[in-house]
Amino acid sequence: MEKKSQNMRAKGAVYERAVGFYLERQGYEILAFNYRCPLGEIDIVAREGGYLVFCEVKYRQNASKGSPLSAVGPGKQRTIYRCAQWYLSEKRLGDVACRFDVVGVEGSKITLVKNAFEG
């Protein structure tokens, strides 16, 4: 089972890098991939415009398991929010405008939802 988990993690990393490239073309500056803290992980931390952006990336091969965007429910949102707070504290960033984006990848189609949820 651990090998399958490693394969899924490796596949996720490939899609996160592809999304990072996509976001850079949209004007984002990527600050970190897979930011980890004791509370969880944030797939991509970036800067866009005047915002520090915390991005969650979800991949689905096709729609048979539902939309990748719908996979970021309230529990996952709480985890991302808490990790973002940790990031801000760790980096000693005070009053900075933040936003939570979700990027869904379905096959080769990328959908970016800016400000997908509130903290």
C-alpha atoms as a PDB file:
ATOM      1  CA  MET A   1       0.000   0.000   0.000  1.00  0.00           C
ATOM      2  CA  GLU A   2       2.877   2.362   0.758  1.00  0.00           C
ATOM      3  CA  LYS A   3       4.147   2.070  -2.834  1.00  0.00           C
ATOM      4  CA  LYS A   4       0.751   3.196  -4.161  1.00  0.00           C
ATOM      5  CA  SER A   5       0.859   6.158  -1.771  1.00  0.00           C
ATOM      6  CA  GLN A   6       4.331   7.085  -3.030  1.00  0.00           C
ATOM      7  CA  ASN A   7       3.142   6.816  -6.642  1.00  0.00           C
ATOM      8  CA  MET A   8       0.153   9.070  -5.891  1.00  0.00           C
ATOM      9  CA  ARG A   9       2.442  11.592  -4.196  1.00  0.00           C
ATOM     10  CA  ALA A  10       4.809  11.554  -7.187  1.00  0.00           C
ATOM     11  CA  LYS A  11       1.888  12.026  -9.600  1.00  0.00           C
ATOM     12  CA  GLY A  12       0.586  14.881  -7.441  1.00  0.00           C
ATOM     13  CA  ALA A  13       3.994  16.566  -7.525  1.00  0.00           C
ATOM     14  CA  VAL A  14       4.017  16.433 -11.337  1.00  0.00           C
ATOM     15  CA  TYR A  15       0.611  18.118 -11.534  1.00  0.00           C
ATOM     16  CA  GLU A  16       1.541  20.695  -8.888  1.00  0.00           C
ATOM     17  CA  ARG A  17       4.614  21.664 -10.938  1.00  0.00           C
ATOM     18  CA  ALA A  18       2.491  21.904 -14.091  1.00  0.00           C
ATOM     19  CA  VAL A  19       0.015  24.108 -12.238  1.00  0.00           C
ATOM     20  CA  GLY A  20       2.925  26.204 -10.949  1.00  0.00           C
ATOM     21  CA  PHE A  21       4.029  26.791 -14.540  1.00  0.00           C
ATOM     22  CA  TYR A  22       0.440  27.666 -15.484  1.00  0.00           C
ATOM     23  CA  LEU A  23       0.181  30.121 -12.575  1.00  0.00           C
ATOM     24  CA  GLU A  24       3.461  31.785 -13.547  1.00  0.00           C
ATOM     25  CA  ARG A  25       2.012  32.382 -17.022  1.00  0.00           C
ATOM     26  CA  GLN A  26      -0.982  33.995 -15.276  1.00  0.00           C
ATOM     27  CA  GLY A  27       1.342  36.426 -13.471  1.00  0.00           C
ATOM     28  CA  TYR A  28       1.878  34.582 -10.180  1.00  0.00           C
ATOM     29  CA  GLU A  29       5.292  34.419  -8.518  1.00  0.00           C
ATOM     30  CA  ILE A  30       5.745  30.971  -6.967  1.00  0.00           C
ATOM     31  CA  LEU A  31       7.285  31.197  -3.497  1.00  0.00           C
ATOM     32  CA  ALA A  32       7.028  27.541  -2.419  1.00  0.00           C
ATOM     33  CA  PHE A  33       5.781  24.140  -3.478  1.00  0.00           C
ATOM     34  CA  ASN A  34       4.484  21.739  -0.823  1.00  0.00           C
ATOM     35  CA  TYR A  35       4.877  23.996   2.195  1.00  0.00           C
ATOM     36  CA  ARG A  36       4.695  21.684   5.202  1.00  0.00           C
ATOM     37  CA  CYS A  37       4.122  22.531   8.836  1.00  0.00           C
ATOM     38  CA  PRO A  38       2.946  20.492  11.844  1.00  0.00           C
ATOM     39  CA  LEU A  39      -0.681  21.255  10.890  1.00  0.00           C
ATOM     40  CA  GLY A  40      -0.563  20.005   7.294  1.00  0.00           C
ATOM     41  CA  GLU A  41       0.523  21.084   3.844  1.00  0.00           C
ATOM     42  CA  ILE A  42      -0.194  23.766   1.263  1.00  0.00           C
ATOM     43  CA  ASP A  43       0.455  22.751  -2.342  1.00  0.00           C
ATOM     44  CA  ILE A  44       1.616  26.146  -3.636  1.00  0.00           C
ATOM     45  CA  VAL A  45       2.378  29.460  -1.939  1.00  0.00           C
ATOM     46  CA  ALA A  46       2.595  32.349  -4.398  1.00  0.00           C
ATOM     47  CA  ARG A  47       2.326  36.085  -4.789  1.00  0.00           C
ATOM     48  CA  GLU A  48      -0.102  37.608  -7.263  1.00  0.00           C
ATOM     49  CA  GLY A  49      -0.827  41.302  -7.442  1.00  0.00           C
ATOM     50  CA  GLY A  50      -0.998  42.557  -3.888  1.00  0.00           C
ATOM     51  CA  TYR A  51      -1.905  39.143  -2.455  1.00  0.00           C
ATOM     52  CA  LEU A  52      -0.081  36.290  -0.824  1.00  0.00           C
ATOM     53  CA  VAL A  53      -1.899  33.310  -2.326  1.00  0.00           C
ATOM     54  CA  PHE A  54      -2.272  29.850  -0.842  1.00  0.00           C
ATOM     55  CA  CYS A  55      -3.210  27.386  -3.605  1.00  0.00           C
ATOM     56  CA  GLU A  56      -4.672  23.919  -3.314  1.00  0.00           C
ATOM     57  CA  VAL A  57      -4.245  21.719  -6.394  1.00  0.00           C
ATOM     58  CA  LYS A  58      -6.654  18.851  -7.060  1.00  0.00           C
ATOM     59  CA  TYR A  59      -6.351  16.401  -9.955  1.00  0.00           C
ATOM     60  CA  ARG A  60      -8.883  14.024 -11.460  1.00  0.00           C
ATOM     61  CA  GLN A  61      -8.228  11.906 -14.525  1.00  0.00           C
ATOM     62  CA  ASN A  62     -11.865  12.382 -15.540  1.00  0.00           C
ATOM     63  CA  ALA A  63     -15.229  13.367 -14.058  1.00  0.00           C
ATOM     64  CA  SER A  64     -16.122   9.845 -12.881  1.00  0.00           C
ATOM     65  CA  LYS A  65     -15.026  10.674  -9.309  1.00  0.00           C
ATOM     66  CA  GLY A  66     -16.490  14.168  -9.340  1.00  0.00           C
ATOM     67  CA  SER A  67     -15.045  17.569  -9.988  1.00  0.00           C
ATOM     68  CA  PRO A  68     -11.566  18.174  -8.604  1.00  0.00           C
ATOM     69  CA  LEU A  69     -12.797  21.536  -7.328  1.00  0.00           C
ATOM     70  CA  SER A  70     -15.477  19.914  -5.177  1.00  0.00           C
ATOM     71  CA  ALA A  71     -12.791  17.888  -3.384  1.00  0.00           C
ATOM     72  CA  VAL A  72     -11.775  20.928  -1.315  1.00  0.00           C
ATOM     73  CA  GLY A  73     -14.471  20.768   1.332  1.00  0.00           C
ATOM     74  CA  PRO A  74     -14.750  22.542   4.695  1.00  0.00           C
ATOM     75  CA  GLY A  75     -12.272  20.228   6.447  1.00  0.00           C
ATOM     76  CA  LYS A  76      -9.575  20.735   3.848  1.00  0.00           C
ATOM     77  CA  GLN A  77     -10.270  24.471   3.815  1.00  0.00           C
ATOM     78  CA  ARG A  78      -9.723  24.609   7.605  1.00  0.00           C
ATOM     79  CA  THR A  79      -6.425  22.759   7.238  1.00  0.00           C
ATOM     80  CA  ILE A  80      -5.221  25.115   4.499  1.00  0.00           C
ATOM     81  CA  TYR A  81      -6.273  28.150   6.559  1.00  0.00           C
ATOM     82  CA  ARG A  82      -4.418  26.900   9.656  1.00  0.00           C
ATOM     83  CA  CYS A  83      -1.317  26.128   7.597  1.00  0.00           C
ATOM     84  CA  ALA A  84      -1.503  29.614   6.106  1.00  0.00           C
ATOM     85  CA  GLN A  85      -1.592  31.100   9.606  1.00  0.00           C
ATOM     86  CA  TRP A  86       1.466  29.019  10.497  1.00  0.00           C
ATOM     87  CA  TYR A  87       3.249  30.222   7.334  1.00  0.00           C
ATOM     88  CA  LEU A  88       2.512  33.867   8.137  1.00  0.00           C
ATOM     89  CA  SER A  89       3.778  33.427  11.689  1.00  0.00           C
ATOM     90  CA  GLU A  90       6.874  31.482  10.654  1.00  0.00           C
ATOM     91  CA  LYS A  91       7.810  34.048   7.997  1.00  0.00           C
ATOM     92  CA  ARG A  92       6.973  36.908  10.380  1.00  0.00           C
ATOM     93  CA  LEU A  93       4.569  38.435   7.900  1.00  0.00           C
ATOM     94  CA  GLY A  94       2.288  40.872   9.622  1.00  0.00           C
ATOM     95  CA  ASP A  95      -0.630  42.545   7.966  1.00  0.00           C
ATOM     96  CA  VAL A  96      -0.503  41.058   4.470  1.00  0.00           C
ATOM     97  CA  ALA A  97      -3.485  40.537   2.162  1.00  0.00           C
ATOM     98  CA  CYS A  98      -4.067  36.806   1.641  1.00  0.00           C
ATOM     99  CA  ARG A  99      -6.223  34.783  -0.672  1.00  0.00           C
ATOM    100  CA  PHE A 100      -7.088  31.109  -1.051  1.00  0.00           C
ATOM    101  CA  ASP A 101      -7.193  29.785  -4.609  1.00  0.00           C
ATOM    102  CA  VAL A 102      -8.098  26.301  -5.779  1.00  0.00           C
ATOM    103  CA  VAL A 103      -6.812  24.864  -9.030  1.00  0.00           C
ATOM    104  CA  GLY A 104      -8.606  21.874 -10.495  1.00  0.00           C
ATOM    105  CA  VAL A 105      -6.946  19.691 -13.097  1.00  0.00           C
ATOM    106  CA  GLU A 106      -9.211  17.327 -15.005  1.00  0.00           C
ATOM    107  CA  GLY A 107      -7.299  15.425 -17.642  1.00  0.00           C
ATOM    108  CA  SER A 108      -5.379  18.235 -19.339  1.00  0.00           C
ATOM    109  CA  LYS A 109      -7.859  21.008 -18.498  1.00  0.00           C
ATOM    110  CA  ILE A 110      -6.842  23.465 -15.756  1.00  0.00           C
ATOM    111  CA  THR A 111      -9.443  25.531 -13.926  1.00  0.00           C
ATOM    112  CA  LEU A 112      -8.327  28.310 -11.581  1.00  0.00           C
ATOM    113  CA  VAL A 113     -10.748  29.591  -8.960  1.00  0.00           C
ATOM    114  CA  LYS A 114      -9.401  32.724  -7.320  1.00  0.00           C
ATOM    115  CA  ASN A 115     -10.576  33.461  -3.796  1.00  0.00           C
ATOM    116  CA  ALA A 116     -12.254  30.045  -3.696  1.00  0.00           C
ATOM    117  CA  PHE A 117     -12.974  30.279   0.026  1.00  0.00           C
ATOM    118  CA  GLU A 118     -12.611  32.626   2.965  1.00  0.00           C
ATOM    119  CA  GLY A 119     -10.265  32.107   5.882  1.00  0.00           C
END
